[in-house]
């Protein structure tokens, strides 16, 4: 399954290739901050393309993964780096999978851990 391909996604990610593991109607949301879900493969790719290129290195370290039926849950740490500045925070990713493709992707995290993001971005 393509979930293992998510590890190591970074600013040089080829979204045309990565997007193939998402169904065309996939929804993605970060449920720990006020944000409407992003619906559709192209919209998800575009949303990530606006955010991810700000960083020199992006690492998603998978700590644990469990699956039951069409539900896959990942415990991971995400690290976003620019030069010497880095922010690492804990994430729980929930994926709904049908036919080997992600149909829904939800991330949950402690928004307090993101308080340092402006300093990482140099703001």
C-alpha atoms as a PDB file:
ATOM      1  CA  UNK A   1       0.000   0.000   0.000  1.00  0.00           C
ATOM      2  CA  UNK A   2       1.159   3.524  -0.715  1.00  0.00           C
ATOM      3  CA  UNK A   3       1.098   4.722   2.913  1.00  0.00           C
ATOM      4  CA  UNK A   4       4.736   3.738   3.260  1.00  0.00           C
ATOM      5  CA  UNK A   5       5.494   6.115   0.375  1.00  0.00           C
ATOM      6  CA  UNK A   6       4.436   9.049   2.560  1.00  0.00           C
ATOM      7  CA  UNK A   7       7.579   8.698   4.670  1.00  0.00           C
ATOM      8  CA  UNK A   8      10.224  11.099   3.450  1.00  0.00           C
ATOM      9  CA  UNK A   9       7.898  13.371   1.505  1.00  0.00           C
ATOM     10  CA  UNK A  10       9.623  16.679   1.173  1.00  0.00           C
ATOM     11  CA  UNK A  11       9.861  19.814  -0.907  1.00  0.00           C
ATOM     12  CA  UNK A  12      11.054  17.827  -3.937  1.00  0.00           C
ATOM     13  CA  UNK A  13       8.038  15.516  -3.836  1.00  0.00           C
ATOM     14  CA  UNK A  14       6.698  14.691  -7.271  1.00  0.00           C
ATOM     15  CA  UNK A  15       3.017  15.183  -6.616  1.00  0.00           C
ATOM     16  CA  UNK A  16       1.926  13.596  -9.881  1.00  0.00           C
ATOM     17  CA  UNK A  17       3.467  10.354  -8.643  1.00  0.00           C
ATOM     18  CA  UNK A  18       2.408  10.674  -5.000  1.00  0.00           C
ATOM     19  CA  UNK A  19      -1.116  11.688  -5.877  1.00  0.00           C
ATOM     20  CA  UNK A  20      -1.715   8.294  -7.391  1.00  0.00           C
ATOM     21  CA  UNK A  21      -2.275   6.832  -3.922  1.00  0.00           C
ATOM     22  CA  UNK A  22      -5.172   9.243  -3.333  1.00  0.00           C
ATOM     23  CA  UNK A  23      -8.549   8.712  -4.937  1.00  0.00           C
ATOM     24  CA  UNK A  24      -9.793  11.664  -6.959  1.00  0.00           C
ATOM     25  CA  UNK A  25     -12.369  12.542  -4.278  1.00  0.00           C
ATOM     26  CA  UNK A  26     -10.043  12.103  -1.280  1.00  0.00           C
ATOM     27  CA  UNK A  27     -10.439  14.528   1.624  1.00  0.00           C
ATOM     28  CA  UNK A  28      -7.559  15.749   3.800  1.00  0.00           C
ATOM     29  CA  UNK A  29      -7.855  17.729   7.015  1.00  0.00           C
ATOM     30  CA  UNK A  30      -5.872  18.786  10.038  1.00  0.00           C
ATOM     31  CA  UNK A  31      -8.422  18.435  12.781  1.00  0.00           C
ATOM     32  CA  UNK A  32      -6.474  20.182  15.534  1.00  0.00           C
ATOM     33  CA  UNK A  33      -6.649  23.612  13.924  1.00  0.00           C
ATOM     34  CA  UNK A  34      -9.625  25.397  12.416  1.00  0.00           C
ATOM     35  CA  UNK A  35      -9.465  24.302   8.812  1.00  0.00           C
ATOM     36  CA  UNK A  36     -11.995  23.094   6.308  1.00  0.00           C
ATOM     37  CA  UNK A  37     -11.203  19.735   4.740  1.00  0.00           C
ATOM     38  CA  UNK A  38      -9.432  19.880   1.389  1.00  0.00           C
ATOM     39  CA  UNK A  39     -11.391  17.761  -1.076  1.00  0.00           C
ATOM     40  CA  UNK A  40      -9.940  16.111  -4.158  1.00  0.00           C
ATOM     41  CA  UNK A  41      -6.535  14.859  -5.259  1.00  0.00           C
ATOM     42  CA  UNK A  42      -5.648  18.023  -7.185  1.00  0.00           C
ATOM     43  CA  UNK A  43      -6.753  20.311  -4.344  1.00  0.00           C
ATOM     44  CA  UNK A  44      -4.694  18.333  -1.815  1.00  0.00           C
ATOM     45  CA  UNK A  45      -1.662  18.446  -4.111  1.00  0.00           C
ATOM     46  CA  UNK A  46      -2.128  22.209  -4.585  1.00  0.00           C
ATOM     47  CA  UNK A  47      -2.567  22.812  -0.849  1.00  0.00           C
ATOM     48  CA  UNK A  48       0.617  20.905  -0.019  1.00  0.00           C
ATOM     49  CA  UNK A  49       2.470  22.611  -2.891  1.00  0.00           C
ATOM     50  CA  UNK A  50       1.730  26.003  -1.297  1.00  0.00           C
ATOM     51  CA  UNK A  51       3.028  24.974   2.127  1.00  0.00           C
ATOM     52  CA  UNK A  52       5.793  22.371   1.773  1.00  0.00           C
ATOM     53  CA  UNK A  53       8.259  24.285  -0.464  1.00  0.00           C
ATOM     54  CA  UNK A  54       8.956  26.707   2.407  1.00  0.00           C
ATOM     55  CA  UNK A  55      11.053  24.007   4.065  1.00  0.00           C
ATOM     56  CA  UNK A  56      14.479  22.610   3.206  1.00  0.00           C
ATOM     57  CA  UNK A  57      13.795  19.238   4.817  1.00  0.00           C
ATOM     58  CA  UNK A  58      10.578  17.503   5.823  1.00  0.00           C
ATOM     59  CA  UNK A  59      10.678  14.233   7.710  1.00  0.00           C
ATOM     60  CA  UNK A  60       7.716  12.123   8.725  1.00  0.00           C
ATOM     61  CA  UNK A  61       8.950   9.443  11.102  1.00  0.00           C
ATOM     62  CA  UNK A  62       6.505   6.581  11.433  1.00  0.00           C
ATOM     63  CA  UNK A  63       6.529   5.275  15.010  1.00  0.00           C
ATOM     64  CA  UNK A  64       3.585   2.864  14.992  1.00  0.00           C
ATOM     65  CA  UNK A  65       0.966   1.767  12.507  1.00  0.00           C
ATOM     66  CA  UNK A  66      -2.202  -0.210  13.140  1.00  0.00           C
ATOM     67  CA  UNK A  67      -4.917  -1.266  10.741  1.00  0.00           C
ATOM     68  CA  UNK A  68      -8.402  -2.643  11.067  1.00  0.00           C
ATOM     69  CA  UNK A  69     -10.540  -3.191   8.012  1.00  0.00           C
ATOM     70  CA  UNK A  70     -10.185  -0.129   5.800  1.00  0.00           C
ATOM     71  CA  UNK A  71      -8.847   2.083   8.625  1.00  0.00           C
ATOM     72  CA  UNK A  72      -5.100   2.703   9.079  1.00  0.00           C
ATOM     73  CA  UNK A  73      -3.726   4.768  11.960  1.00  0.00           C
ATOM     74  CA  UNK A  74      -0.171   6.111  12.084  1.00  0.00           C
ATOM     75  CA  UNK A  75       1.565   7.534  15.130  1.00  0.00           C
ATOM     76  CA  UNK A  76       4.389   9.675  13.782  1.00  0.00           C
ATOM     77  CA  UNK A  77       6.564  12.684  14.399  1.00  0.00           C
ATOM     78  CA  UNK A  78       6.771  15.358  11.731  1.00  0.00           C
ATOM     79  CA  UNK A  79       9.846  17.565  11.452  1.00  0.00           C
ATOM     80  CA  UNK A  80       9.941  20.671   9.268  1.00  0.00           C
ATOM     81  CA  UNK A  81      13.354  22.331   8.863  1.00  0.00           C
ATOM     82  CA  UNK A  82      14.729  25.501   7.321  1.00  0.00           C
ATOM     83  CA  UNK A  83      18.497  25.719   7.654  1.00  0.00           C
ATOM     84  CA  UNK A  84      19.356  25.204  11.318  1.00  0.00           C
ATOM     85  CA  UNK A  85      15.791  25.888  12.511  1.00  0.00           C
ATOM     86  CA  UNK A  86      13.490  22.898  12.973  1.00  0.00           C
ATOM     87  CA  UNK A  87      10.110  22.110  14.449  1.00  0.00           C
ATOM     88  CA  UNK A  88       9.174  18.572  15.485  1.00  0.00           C
ATOM     89  CA  UNK A  89       5.687  17.669  16.661  1.00  0.00           C
ATOM     90  CA  UNK A  90       3.653  14.529  17.307  1.00  0.00           C
ATOM     91  CA  UNK A  91       0.883  13.538  14.901  1.00  0.00           C
ATOM     92  CA  UNK A  92      -1.781  10.875  14.703  1.00  0.00           C
ATOM     93  CA  UNK A  93      -2.736  10.249  11.082  1.00  0.00           C
ATOM     94  CA  UNK A  94      -5.966   8.432  10.306  1.00  0.00           C
ATOM     95  CA  UNK A  95      -6.407   7.027   6.804  1.00  0.00           C
ATOM     96  CA  UNK A  96      -9.456   5.432   5.254  1.00  0.00           C
ATOM     97  CA  UNK A  97      -8.393   3.124   2.441  1.00  0.00           C
ATOM     98  CA  UNK A  98     -10.456   1.511  -0.304  1.00  0.00           C
ATOM     99  CA  UNK A  99      -8.936  -0.649  -3.007  1.00  0.00           C
ATOM    100  CA  UNK A 100      -5.410   0.305  -1.880  1.00  0.00           C
ATOM    101  CA  UNK A 101      -6.117   4.043  -2.296  1.00  0.00           C
ATOM    102  CA  UNK A 102      -6.558   6.660   0.415  1.00  0.00           C
ATOM    103  CA  UNK A 103     -10.123   7.982   0.441  1.00  0.00           C
ATOM    104  CA  UNK A 104      -9.807  10.161   3.564  1.00  0.00           C
ATOM    105  CA  UNK A 105      -6.770  11.427   5.501  1.00  0.00           C
ATOM    106  CA  UNK A 106      -7.101  13.188   8.852  1.00  0.00           C
ATOM    107  CA  UNK A 107      -4.210  14.452  10.984  1.00  0.00           C
ATOM    108  CA  UNK A 108      -4.516  15.198  14.707  1.00  0.00           C
ATOM    109  CA  UNK A 109      -1.865  16.988  16.755  1.00  0.00           C
ATOM    110  CA  UNK A 110      -1.399  19.289  19.739  1.00  0.00           C
ATOM    111  CA  UNK A 111      -1.612  22.776  18.268  1.00  0.00           C
ATOM    112  CA  UNK A 112       0.484  24.088  21.186  1.00  0.00           C
ATOM    113  CA  UNK A 113       3.428  22.154  19.725  1.00  0.00           C
ATOM    114  CA  UNK A 114       3.148  24.313  16.595  1.00  0.00           C
ATOM    115  CA  UNK A 115       3.680  27.540  18.543  1.00  0.00           C
ATOM    116  CA  UNK A 116       7.310  27.648  17.347  1.00  0.00           C
ATOM    117  CA  UNK A 117       6.396  27.456  13.651  1.00  0.00           C
ATOM    118  CA  UNK A 118       6.652  31.236  13.069  1.00  0.00           C
ATOM    119  CA  UNK A 119      10.222  31.251  14.412  1.00  0.00           C
ATOM    120  CA  UNK A 120      11.152  28.305  12.175  1.00  0.00           C
ATOM    121  CA  UNK A 121       9.733  30.301   9.250  1.00  0.00           C
ATOM    122  CA  UNK A 122      11.752  33.345  10.374  1.00  0.00           C
ATOM    123  CA  UNK A 123       8.658  35.393  11.214  1.00  0.00           C
END
